[in-house]
Amino acid sequence: MDKGDIVKYPPTSTVGKVTDIKSEDGIVWVKLDKTNLYYKESLLVPADSSEYKTTSFKEQQGKAFKGTATVRDLNRMEEEVDISEMMPSGGG
């Protein structure tokens, strides 16, 4: 396996291009561009280039921040909650 090879991680069907290879404690780790994560080389299989889809920077950024609230959303949630009627409970 070399940098630039296209491989697949079968458990999740992740297909990516090899960007880095390192060895640690006798285990070879391979970093894929799609996830920026390292995978055990023994768990990766060669993939066809037709399975590899490039993503734009905009798509990558959208995935990185998906599910996070904006400051405006947090301020709105804070305004909607009225804690003046809430009473603490429990012993202490």
PDB file of N, CA and C in Angstrom:
ATOM      1  N   MET A   1       0.858  -1.174   0.000  1.00  0.00           N
ATOM      2  CA  MET A   1       0.000   0.000   0.000  1.00  0.00           C
ATOM      3  C   MET A   1       0.903   1.236   0.000  1.00  0.00           C
ATOM      4  N   ASP A   2       0.565   2.201  -0.847  1.00  0.00           N
ATOM      5  CA  ASP A   2       1.367   3.415  -0.972  1.00  0.00           C
ATOM      6  C   ASP A   2       0.482   4.651  -0.883  1.00  0.00           C
ATOM      7  N   LYS A   3       1.109   5.797  -0.606  1.00  0.00           N
ATOM      8  CA  LYS A   3       0.372   7.058  -0.614  1.00  0.00           C
ATOM      9  C   LYS A   3      -0.240   7.253  -1.996  1.00  0.00           C
ATOM     10  N   GLY A   4      -1.486   7.715  -2.014  1.00  0.00           N
ATOM     11  CA  GLY A   4      -2.184   7.932  -3.271  1.00  0.00           C
ATOM     12  C   GLY A   4      -3.070   6.766  -3.687  1.00  0.00           C
ATOM     13  N   ASP A   5      -2.862   5.590  -3.085  1.00  0.00           N
ATOM     14  CA  ASP A   5      -3.719   4.439  -3.396  1.00  0.00           C
ATOM     15  C   ASP A   5      -5.133   4.692  -2.899  1.00  0.00           C
ATOM     16  N   ILE A   6      -6.107   4.122  -3.588  1.00  0.00           N
ATOM     17  CA  ILE A   6      -7.503   4.219  -3.176  1.00  0.00           C
ATOM     18  C   ILE A   6      -7.886   2.903  -2.511  1.00  0.00           C
ATOM     19  N   VAL A   7      -8.368   3.008  -1.278  1.00  0.00           N
ATOM     20  CA  VAL A   7      -8.686   1.815  -0.494  1.00  0.00           C
ATOM     21  C   VAL A   7     -10.056   1.953   0.150  1.00  0.00           C
ATOM     22  N   LYS A   8     -10.558   0.820   0.640  1.00  0.00           N
ATOM     23  CA  LYS A   8     -11.875   0.788   1.291  1.00  0.00           C
ATOM     24  C   LYS A   8     -11.740   0.141   2.659  1.00  0.00           C
ATOM     25  N   TYR A   9     -12.466   0.696   3.620  1.00  0.00           N
ATOM     26  CA  TYR A   9     -12.599   0.112   4.946  1.00  0.00           C
ATOM     27  C   TYR A   9     -13.963  -0.570   4.973  1.00  0.00           C
ATOM     28  N   PRO A  10     -14.009  -1.894   4.757  1.00  0.00           N
ATOM     29  CA  PRO A  10     -15.288  -2.602   4.585  1.00  0.00           C
ATOM     30  C   PRO A  10     -16.331  -2.455   5.693  1.00  0.00           C
ATOM     31  N   PRO A  11     -15.962  -2.398   6.988  1.00  0.00           N
ATOM     32  CA  PRO A  11     -17.021  -2.284   8.002  1.00  0.00           C
ATOM     33  C   PRO A  11     -17.942  -1.077   7.819  1.00  0.00           C
ATOM     34  N   THR A  12     -17.414   0.041   7.293  1.00  0.00           N
ATOM     35  CA  THR A  12     -18.249   1.232   7.108  1.00  0.00           C
ATOM     36  C   THR A  12     -18.371   1.628   5.638  1.00  0.00           C
ATOM     37  N   SER A  13     -17.724   0.876   4.760  1.00  0.00           N
ATOM     38  CA  SER A  13     -17.694   1.154   3.317  1.00  0.00           C
ATOM     39  C   SER A  13     -17.046   2.503   3.001  1.00  0.00           C
ATOM     40  N   THR A  14     -16.195   2.979   3.895  1.00  0.00           N
ATOM     41  CA  THR A  14     -15.473   4.225   3.658  1.00  0.00           C
ATOM     42  C   THR A  14     -14.414   4.000   2.595  1.00  0.00           C
ATOM     43  N   VAL A  15     -14.438   4.829   1.557  1.00  0.00           N
ATOM     44  CA  VAL A  15     -13.442   4.755   0.494  1.00  0.00           C
ATOM     45  C   VAL A  15     -12.659   6.055   0.513  1.00  0.00           C
ATOM     46  N   GLY A  16     -11.345   5.939   0.519  1.00  0.00           N
ATOM     47  CA  GLY A  16     -10.527   7.141   0.566  1.00  0.00           C
ATOM     48  C   GLY A  16      -9.169   6.934  -0.064  1.00  0.00           C
ATOM     49  N   LYS A  17      -8.479   8.029  -0.201  1.00  0.00           N
ATOM     50  CA  LYS A  17      -7.137   8.014  -0.765  1.00  0.00           C
ATOM     51  C   LYS A  17      -6.143   8.042   0.392  1.00  0.00           C
ATOM     52  N   VAL A  18      -5.111   7.201   0.309  1.00  0.00           N
ATOM     53  CA  VAL A  18      -4.095   7.121   1.345  1.00  0.00           C
ATOM     54  C   VAL A  18      -3.271   8.406   1.335  1.00  0.00           C
ATOM     55  N   THR A  19      -3.227   9.080   2.497  1.00  0.00           N
ATOM     56  CA  THR A  19      -2.452  10.318   2.600  1.00  0.00           C
ATOM     57  C   THR A  19      -1.228  10.165   3.488  1.00  0.00           C
ATOM     58  N   ASP A  20      -1.215   9.143   4.353  1.00  0.00           N
ATOM     59  CA  ASP A  20      -0.084   8.946   5.260  1.00  0.00           C
ATOM     60  C   ASP A  20      -0.055   7.494   5.697  1.00  0.00           C
ATOM     61  N   ILE A  21       1.141   6.994   5.941  1.00  0.00           N
ATOM     62  CA  ILE A  21       1.319   5.633   6.446  1.00  0.00           C
ATOM     63  C   ILE A  21       2.345   5.712   7.571  1.00  0.00           C
ATOM     64  N   LYS A  22       2.008   5.104   8.707  1.00  0.00           N
ATOM     65  CA  LYS A  22       2.956   5.084   9.815  1.00  0.00           C
ATOM     66  C   LYS A  22       2.882   3.738  10.523  1.00  0.00           C
ATOM     67  N   SER A  23       3.951   3.415  11.224  1.00  0.00           N
ATOM     68  CA  SER A  23       4.013   2.163  11.967  1.00  0.00           C
ATOM     69  C   SER A  23       4.227   2.479  13.434  1.00  0.00           C
ATOM     70  N   GLU A  24       3.438   1.834  14.271  1.00  0.00           N
ATOM     71  CA  GLU A  24       3.536   2.067  15.707  1.00  0.00           C
ATOM     72  C   GLU A  24       3.315   0.753  16.434  1.00  0.00           C
ATOM     73  N   ASP A  25       4.254   0.362  17.252  1.00  0.00           N
ATOM     74  CA  ASP A  25       4.190  -0.892  18.010  1.00  0.00           C
ATOM     75  C   ASP A  25       3.917  -2.093  17.109  1.00  0.00           C
ATOM     76  N   GLY A  26       4.515  -2.108  15.923  1.00  0.00           N
ATOM     77  CA  GLY A  26       4.374  -3.234  15.010  1.00  0.00           C
ATOM     78  C   GLY A  26       3.091  -3.233  14.201  1.00  0.00           C
ATOM     79  N   ILE A  27       2.270  -2.208  14.334  1.00  0.00           N
ATOM     80  CA  ILE A  27       1.019  -2.114  13.582  1.00  0.00           C
ATOM     81  C   ILE A  27       1.164  -0.997  12.560  1.00  0.00           C
ATOM     82  N   VAL A  28       0.793  -1.282  11.319  1.00  0.00           N
ATOM     83  CA  VAL A  28       0.854  -0.279  10.267  1.00  0.00           C
ATOM     84  C   VAL A  28      -0.504   0.424  10.209  1.00  0.00           C
ATOM     85  N   TRP A  29      -0.461   1.752  10.281  1.00  0.00           N
ATOM     86  CA  TRP A  29      -1.653   2.581  10.252  1.00  0.00           C
ATOM     87  C   TRP A  29      -1.669   3.392   8.964  1.00  0.00           C
ATOM     88  N   VAL A  30      -2.841   3.511   8.348  1.00  0.00           N
ATOM     89  CA  VAL A  30      -3.003   4.220   7.084  1.00  0.00           C
ATOM     90  C   VAL A  30      -4.049   5.318   7.271  1.00  0.00           C
ATOM     91  N   LYS A  31      -3.687   6.548   6.900  1.00  0.00           N
ATOM     92  CA  LYS A  31      -4.601   7.681   7.035  1.00  0.00           C
ATOM     93  C   LYS A  31      -5.312   7.911   5.715  1.00  0.00           C
ATOM     94  N   LEU A  32      -6.643   8.082   5.786  1.00  0.00           N
ATOM     95  CA  LEU A  32      -7.446   8.325   4.588  1.00  0.00           C
ATOM     96  C   LEU A  32      -7.893   9.781   4.532  1.00  0.00           C
ATOM     97  N   ASP A  33      -7.936  10.322   3.317  1.00  0.00           N
ATOM     98  CA  ASP A  33      -8.295  11.730   3.140  1.00  0.00           C
ATOM     99  C   ASP A  33      -9.750  12.031   3.467  1.00  0.00           C
ATOM    100  N   LYS A  34     -10.632  11.081   3.297  1.00  0.00           N
ATOM    101  CA  LYS A  34     -12.071  11.326   3.520  1.00  0.00           C
ATOM    102  C   LYS A  34     -12.393  11.631   4.974  1.00  0.00           C
ATOM    103  N   THR A  35     -11.728  10.927   5.875  1.00  0.00           N
ATOM    104  CA  THR A  35     -12.061  11.053   7.293  1.00  0.00           C
ATOM    105  C   THR A  35     -10.951  11.682   8.124  1.00  0.00           C
ATOM    106  N   ASN A  36      -9.754  11.758   7.555  1.00  0.00           N
ATOM    107  CA  ASN A  36      -8.567  12.197   8.293  1.00  0.00           C
ATOM    108  C   ASN A  36      -8.310  11.306   9.506  1.00  0.00           C
ATOM    109  N   LEU A  37      -8.713  10.040   9.404  1.00  0.00           N
ATOM    110  CA  LEU A  37      -8.497   9.066  10.471  1.00  0.00           C
ATOM    111  C   LEU A  37      -7.524   8.000   9.992  1.00  0.00           C
ATOM    112  N   TYR A  38      -6.861   7.371  10.964  1.00  0.00           N
ATOM    113  CA  TYR A  38      -5.960   6.258  10.656  1.00  0.00           C
ATOM    114  C   TYR A  38      -6.707   4.934  10.826  1.00  0.00           C
ATOM    115  N   TYR A  39      -6.448   3.999   9.914  1.00  0.00           N
ATOM    116  CA  TYR A  39      -7.050   2.671   9.936  1.00  0.00           C
ATOM    117  C   TYR A  39      -5.927   1.644   9.923  1.00  0.00           C
ATOM    118  N   LYS A  40      -6.159   0.493  10.548  1.00  0.00           N
ATOM    119  CA  LYS A  40      -5.182  -0.584  10.477  1.00  0.00           C
ATOM    120  C   LYS A  40      -5.078  -1.039   9.030  1.00  0.00           C
ATOM    121  N   GLU A  41      -3.852  -1.130   8.547  1.00  0.00           N
ATOM    122  CA  GLU A  41      -3.644  -1.528   7.161  1.00  0.00           C
ATOM    123  C   GLU A  41      -4.255  -2.898   6.870  1.00  0.00           C
ATOM    124  N   SER A  42      -4.218  -3.788   7.845  1.00  0.00           N
ATOM    125  CA  SER A  42      -4.730  -5.140   7.638  1.00  0.00           C
ATOM    126  C   SER A  42      -6.236  -5.181   7.418  1.00  0.00           C
ATOM    127  N   LEU A  43      -6.946  -4.107   7.786  1.00  0.00           N
ATOM    128  CA  LEU A  43      -8.395  -4.065   7.628  1.00  0.00           C
ATOM    129  C   LEU A  43      -8.847  -3.362   6.341  1.00  0.00           C
ATOM    130  N   LEU A  44      -7.898  -2.807   5.600  1.00  0.00           N
ATOM    131  CA  LEU A  44      -8.226  -2.100   4.366  1.00  0.00           C
ATOM    132  C   LEU A  44      -8.069  -3.011   3.159  1.00  0.00           C
ATOM    133  N   VAL A  45      -8.909  -2.772   2.162  1.00  0.00           N
ATOM    134  CA  VAL A  45      -8.830  -3.532   0.907  1.00  0.00           C
ATOM    135  C   VAL A  45      -8.720  -2.540  -0.253  1.00  0.00           C
ATOM    136  N   PRO A  46      -8.054  -2.946  -1.336  1.00  0.00           N
ATOM    137  CA  PRO A  46      -7.981  -2.055  -2.498  1.00  0.00           C
ATOM    138  C   PRO A  46      -9.385  -1.744  -3.017  1.00  0.00           C
ATOM    139  N   ALA A  47      -9.582  -0.538  -3.486  1.00  0.00           N
ATOM    140  CA  ALA A  47     -10.882  -0.124  -4.023  1.00  0.00           C
ATOM    141  C   ALA A  47     -10.700   0.363  -5.449  1.00  0.00           C
ATOM    142  N   ASP A  48     -11.753   0.257  -6.214  1.00  0.00           N
ATOM    143  CA  ASP A  48     -11.751   0.747  -7.584  1.00  0.00           C
ATOM    144  C   ASP A  48     -11.869   2.265  -7.562  1.00  0.00           C
ATOM    145  N   SER A  49     -11.207   2.915  -8.499  1.00  0.00           N
ATOM    146  CA  SER A  49     -11.248   4.376  -8.531  1.00  0.00           C
ATOM    147  C   SER A  49     -12.661   4.912  -8.756  1.00  0.00           C
ATOM    148  N   SER A  50     -13.547   4.088  -9.322  1.00  0.00           N
ATOM    149  CA  SER A  50     -14.933   4.534  -9.533  1.00  0.00           C
ATOM    150  C   SER A  50     -15.698   4.662  -8.211  1.00  0.00           C
ATOM    151  N   GLU A  51     -15.205   4.008  -7.158  1.00  0.00           N
ATOM    152  CA  GLU A  51     -15.851   4.092  -5.843  1.00  0.00           C
ATOM    153  C   GLU A  51     -15.442   5.355  -5.097  1.00  0.00           C
ATOM    154  N   TYR A  52     -14.352   5.971  -5.525  1.00  0.00           N
ATOM    155  CA  TYR A  52     -13.825   7.151  -4.849  1.00  0.00           C
ATOM    156  C   TYR A  52     -14.475   8.404  -5.409  1.00  0.00           C
ATOM    157  N   LYS A  53     -15.076   9.165  -4.534  1.00  0.00           N
ATOM    158  CA  LYS A  53     -15.717  10.413  -4.942  1.00  0.00           C
ATOM    159  C   LYS A  53     -15.032  11.554  -4.220  1.00  0.00           C
ATOM    160  N   THR A  54     -14.611  12.549  -4.976  1.00  0.00           N
ATOM    161  CA  THR A  54     -13.987  13.708  -4.353  1.00  0.00           C
ATOM    162  C   THR A  54     -15.074  14.607  -3.777  1.00  0.00           C
ATOM    163  N   THR A  55     -14.740  15.290  -2.709  1.00  0.00           N
ATOM    164  CA  THR A  55     -15.678  16.238  -2.113  1.00  0.00           C
ATOM    165  C   THR A  55     -15.031  17.611  -2.115  1.00  0.00           C
ATOM    166  N   SER A  56     -15.839  18.612  -2.275  1.00  0.00           N
ATOM    167  CA  SER A  56     -15.331  19.978  -2.285  1.00  0.00           C
ATOM    168  C   SER A  56     -15.036  20.418  -0.857  1.00  0.00           C
ATOM    169  N   PHE A  57     -14.270  21.493  -0.740  1.00  0.00           N
ATOM    170  CA  PHE A  57     -13.963  22.052   0.569  1.00  0.00           C
ATOM    171  C   PHE A  57     -15.248  22.452   1.284  1.00  0.00           C
ATOM    172  N   LYS A  58     -16.201  23.006   0.534  1.00  0.00           N
ATOM    173  CA  LYS A  58     -17.470  23.442   1.113  1.00  0.00           C
ATOM    174  C   LYS A  58     -18.223  22.255   1.707  1.00  0.00           C
ATOM    175  N   GLU A  59     -18.252  21.115   0.993  1.00  0.00           N
ATOM    176  CA  GLU A  59     -18.927  19.926   1.509  1.00  0.00           C
ATOM    177  C   GLU A  59     -18.244  19.416   2.772  1.00  0.00           C
ATOM    178  N   GLN A  60     -16.902  19.430   2.790  1.00  0.00           N
ATOM    179  CA  GLN A  60     -16.167  18.962   3.956  1.00  0.00           C
ATOM    180  C   GLN A  60     -16.459  19.840   5.164  1.00  0.00           C
ATOM    181  N   GLN A  61     -16.483  21.154   4.971  1.00  0.00           N
ATOM    182  CA  GLN A  61     -16.767  22.072   6.068  1.00  0.00           C
ATOM    183  C   GLN A  61     -18.193  21.894   6.562  1.00  0.00           C
ATOM    184  N   GLY A  62     -19.136  21.671   5.661  1.00  0.00           N
ATOM    185  CA  GLY A  62     -20.528  21.461   6.046  1.00  0.00           C
ATOM    186  C   GLY A  62     -20.697  20.242   6.916  1.00  0.00           C
ATOM    187  N   LYS A  63     -19.969  19.179   6.597  1.00  0.00           N
ATOM    188  CA  LYS A  63     -20.042  17.958   7.395  1.00  0.00           C
ATOM    189  C   LYS A  63     -19.413  18.161   8.764  1.00  0.00           C
ATOM    190  N   ALA A  64     -18.346  18.933   8.811  1.00  0.00           N
ATOM    191  CA  ALA A  64     -17.647  19.148  10.077  1.00  0.00           C
ATOM    192  C   ALA A  64     -18.517  19.898  11.078  1.00  0.00           C
ATOM    193  N   PHE A  65     -19.358  20.814  10.598  1.00  0.00           N
ATOM    194  CA  PHE A  65     -20.161  21.624  11.497  1.00  0.00           C
ATOM    195  C   PHE A  65     -21.622  21.208  11.536  1.00  0.00           C
ATOM    196  N   LYS A  66     -21.970  20.142  10.870  1.00  0.00           N
ATOM    197  CA  LYS A  66     -23.355  19.690  10.845  1.00  0.00           C
ATOM    198  C   LYS A  66     -23.796  19.291  12.258  1.00  0.00           C
ATOM    199  N   GLY A  67     -24.962  19.756  12.645  1.00  0.00           N
ATOM    200  CA  GLY A  67     -25.498  19.395  13.951  1.00  0.00           C
ATOM    201  C   GLY A  67     -25.083  20.334  15.075  1.00  0.00           C
ATOM    202  N   THR A  68     -24.255  21.325  14.788  1.00  0.00           N
ATOM    203  CA  THR A  68     -23.870  22.259  15.832  1.00  0.00           C
ATOM    204  C   THR A  68     -24.753  23.492  15.738  1.00  0.00           C
ATOM    205  N   ALA A  69     -25.010  24.067  16.872  1.00  0.00           N
ATOM    206  CA  ALA A  69     -25.863  25.260  16.926  1.00  0.00           C
ATOM    207  C   ALA A  69     -25.025  26.506  16.723  1.00  0.00           C
ATOM    208  N   THR A  70     -25.617  27.501  16.124  1.00  0.00           N
ATOM    209  CA  THR A  70     -24.938  28.777  15.958  1.00  0.00           C
ATOM    210  C   THR A  70     -25.146  29.595  17.227  1.00  0.00           C
ATOM    211  N   VAL A  71     -24.397  30.664  17.363  1.00  0.00           N
ATOM    212  CA  VAL A  71     -24.545  31.552  18.519  1.00  0.00           C
ATOM    213  C   VAL A  71     -25.958  32.113  18.562  1.00  0.00           C
ATOM    214  N   ARG A  72     -26.493  32.457  17.404  1.00  0.00           N
ATOM    215  CA  ARG A  72     -27.858  32.978  17.333  1.00  0.00           C
ATOM    216  C   ARG A  72     -28.857  31.937  17.860  1.00  0.00           C
ATOM    217  N   ASP A  73     -28.668  30.662  17.473  1.00  0.00           N
ATOM    218  CA  ASP A  73     -29.559  29.601  17.956  1.00  0.00           C
ATOM    219  C   ASP A  73     -29.462  29.467  19.477  1.00  0.00           C
ATOM    220  N   LEU A  74     -28.263  29.532  20.005  1.00  0.00           N
ATOM    221  CA  LEU A  74     -28.090  29.398  21.453  1.00  0.00           C
ATOM    222  C   LEU A  74     -28.732  30.568  22.201  1.00  0.00           C
ATOM    223  N   ASN A  75     -28.581  31.773  21.665  1.00  0.00           N
ATOM    224  CA  ASN A  75     -29.217  32.933  22.300  1.00  0.00           C
ATOM    225  C   ASN A  75     -30.732  32.810  22.283  1.00  0.00           C
ATOM    226  N   ARG A  76     -31.280  32.339  21.175  1.00  0.00           N
ATOM    227  CA  ARG A  76     -32.723  32.166  21.065  1.00  0.00           C
ATOM    228  C   ARG A  76     -33.210  31.120  22.069  1.00  0.00           C
ATOM    229  N   MET A  77     -32.493  30.034  22.229  1.00  0.00           N
ATOM    230  CA  MET A  77     -32.894  29.002  23.184  1.00  0.00           C
ATOM    231  C   MET A  77     -32.844  29.551  24.604  1.00  0.00           C
ATOM    232  N   GLU A  78     -31.844  30.364  24.887  1.00  0.00           N
ATOM    233  CA  GLU A  78     -31.721  30.950  26.217  1.00  0.00           C
ATOM    234  C   GLU A  78     -32.908  31.851  26.525  1.00  0.00           C
ATOM    235  N   GLU A  79     -33.364  32.623  25.545  1.00  0.00           N
ATOM    236  CA  GLU A  79     -34.500  33.517  25.735  1.00  0.00           C
ATOM    237  C   GLU A  79     -35.800  32.748  25.925  1.00  0.00           C
ATOM    238  N   GLU A  80     -35.917  31.588  25.313  1.00  0.00           N
ATOM    239  CA  GLU A  80     -37.151  30.814  25.369  1.00  0.00           C
ATOM    240  C   GLU A  80     -37.327  30.068  26.693  1.00  0.00           C
ATOM    241  N   VAL A  81     -36.266  29.883  27.447  1.00  0.00           N
ATOM    242  CA  VAL A  81     -36.338  29.129  28.694  1.00  0.00           C
ATOM    243  C   VAL A  81     -36.520  30.089  29.861  1.00  0.00           C
ATOM    244  N   ASP A  82     -37.579  29.853  30.655  1.00  0.00           N
ATOM    245  CA  ASP A  82     -37.842  30.670  31.831  1.00  0.00           C
ATOM    246  C   ASP A  82     -37.608  29.798  33.058  1.00  0.00           C
ATOM    247  N   ILE A  83     -36.520  30.031  33.762  1.00  0.00           N
ATOM    248  CA  ILE A  83     -36.190  29.181  34.908  1.00  0.00           C
ATOM    249  C   ILE A  83     -36.746  29.729  36.210  1.00  0.00           C
ATOM    250  N   SER A  84     -37.458  30.866  36.162  1.00  0.00           N
ATOM    251  CA  SER A  84     -37.953  31.479  37.393  1.00  0.00           C
ATOM    252  C   SER A  84     -38.982  30.589  38.101  1.00  0.00           C
ATOM    253  N   GLU A  85     -39.654  29.702  37.349  1.00  0.00           N
ATOM    254  CA  GLU A  85     -40.658  28.848  37.980  1.00  0.00           C
ATOM    255  C   GLU A  85     -40.114  27.480  38.363  1.00  0.00           C
ATOM    256  N   MET A  86     -38.872  27.233  38.070  1.00  0.00           N
ATOM    257  CA  MET A  86     -38.284  25.935  38.384  1.00  0.00           C
ATOM    258  C   MET A  86     -37.778  25.932  39.820  1.00  0.00           C
ATOM    259  N   MET A  87     -38.101  24.860  40.532  1.00  0.00           N
ATOM    260  CA  MET A  87     -37.668  24.720  41.912  1.00  0.00           C
ATOM    261  C   MET A  87     -36.629  23.618  41.981  1.00  0.00           C
ATOM    262  N   PRO A  88     -35.560  23.835  42.717  1.00  0.00           N
ATOM    263  CA  PRO A  88     -34.577  22.779  42.876  1.00  0.00           C
ATOM    264  C   PRO A  88     -35.165  21.631  43.661  1.00  0.00           C
ATOM    265  N   SER A  89     -34.750  20.455  43.339  1.00  0.00           N
ATOM    266  CA  SER A  89     -35.233  19.280  44.069  1.00  0.00           C
ATOM    267  C   SER A  89     -34.053  18.409  44.430  1.00  0.00           C
ATOM    268  N   GLY A  90     -34.276  17.519  45.341  1.00  0.00           N
ATOM    269  CA  GLY A  90     -33.209  16.619  45.777  1.00  0.00           C
ATOM    270  C   GLY A  90     -32.653  17.032  47.120  1.00  0.00           C
ATOM    271  N   GLY A  91     -31.999  16.138  47.736  1.00  0.00           N
ATOM    272  CA  GLY A  91     -31.431  16.405  49.047  1.00  0.00           C
ATOM    273  C   GLY A  91     -30.005  16.896  48.934  1.00  0.00           C
ATOM    274  N   GLY A  92     -29.564  17.502  49.989  1.00  0.00           N
ATOM    275  CA  GLY A  92     -28.184  17.947  49.896  1.00  0.00           C
ATOM    276  C   GLY A  92     -27.700  18.601  51.099  1.00  0.00           C
TER     277      GLY A  92
END
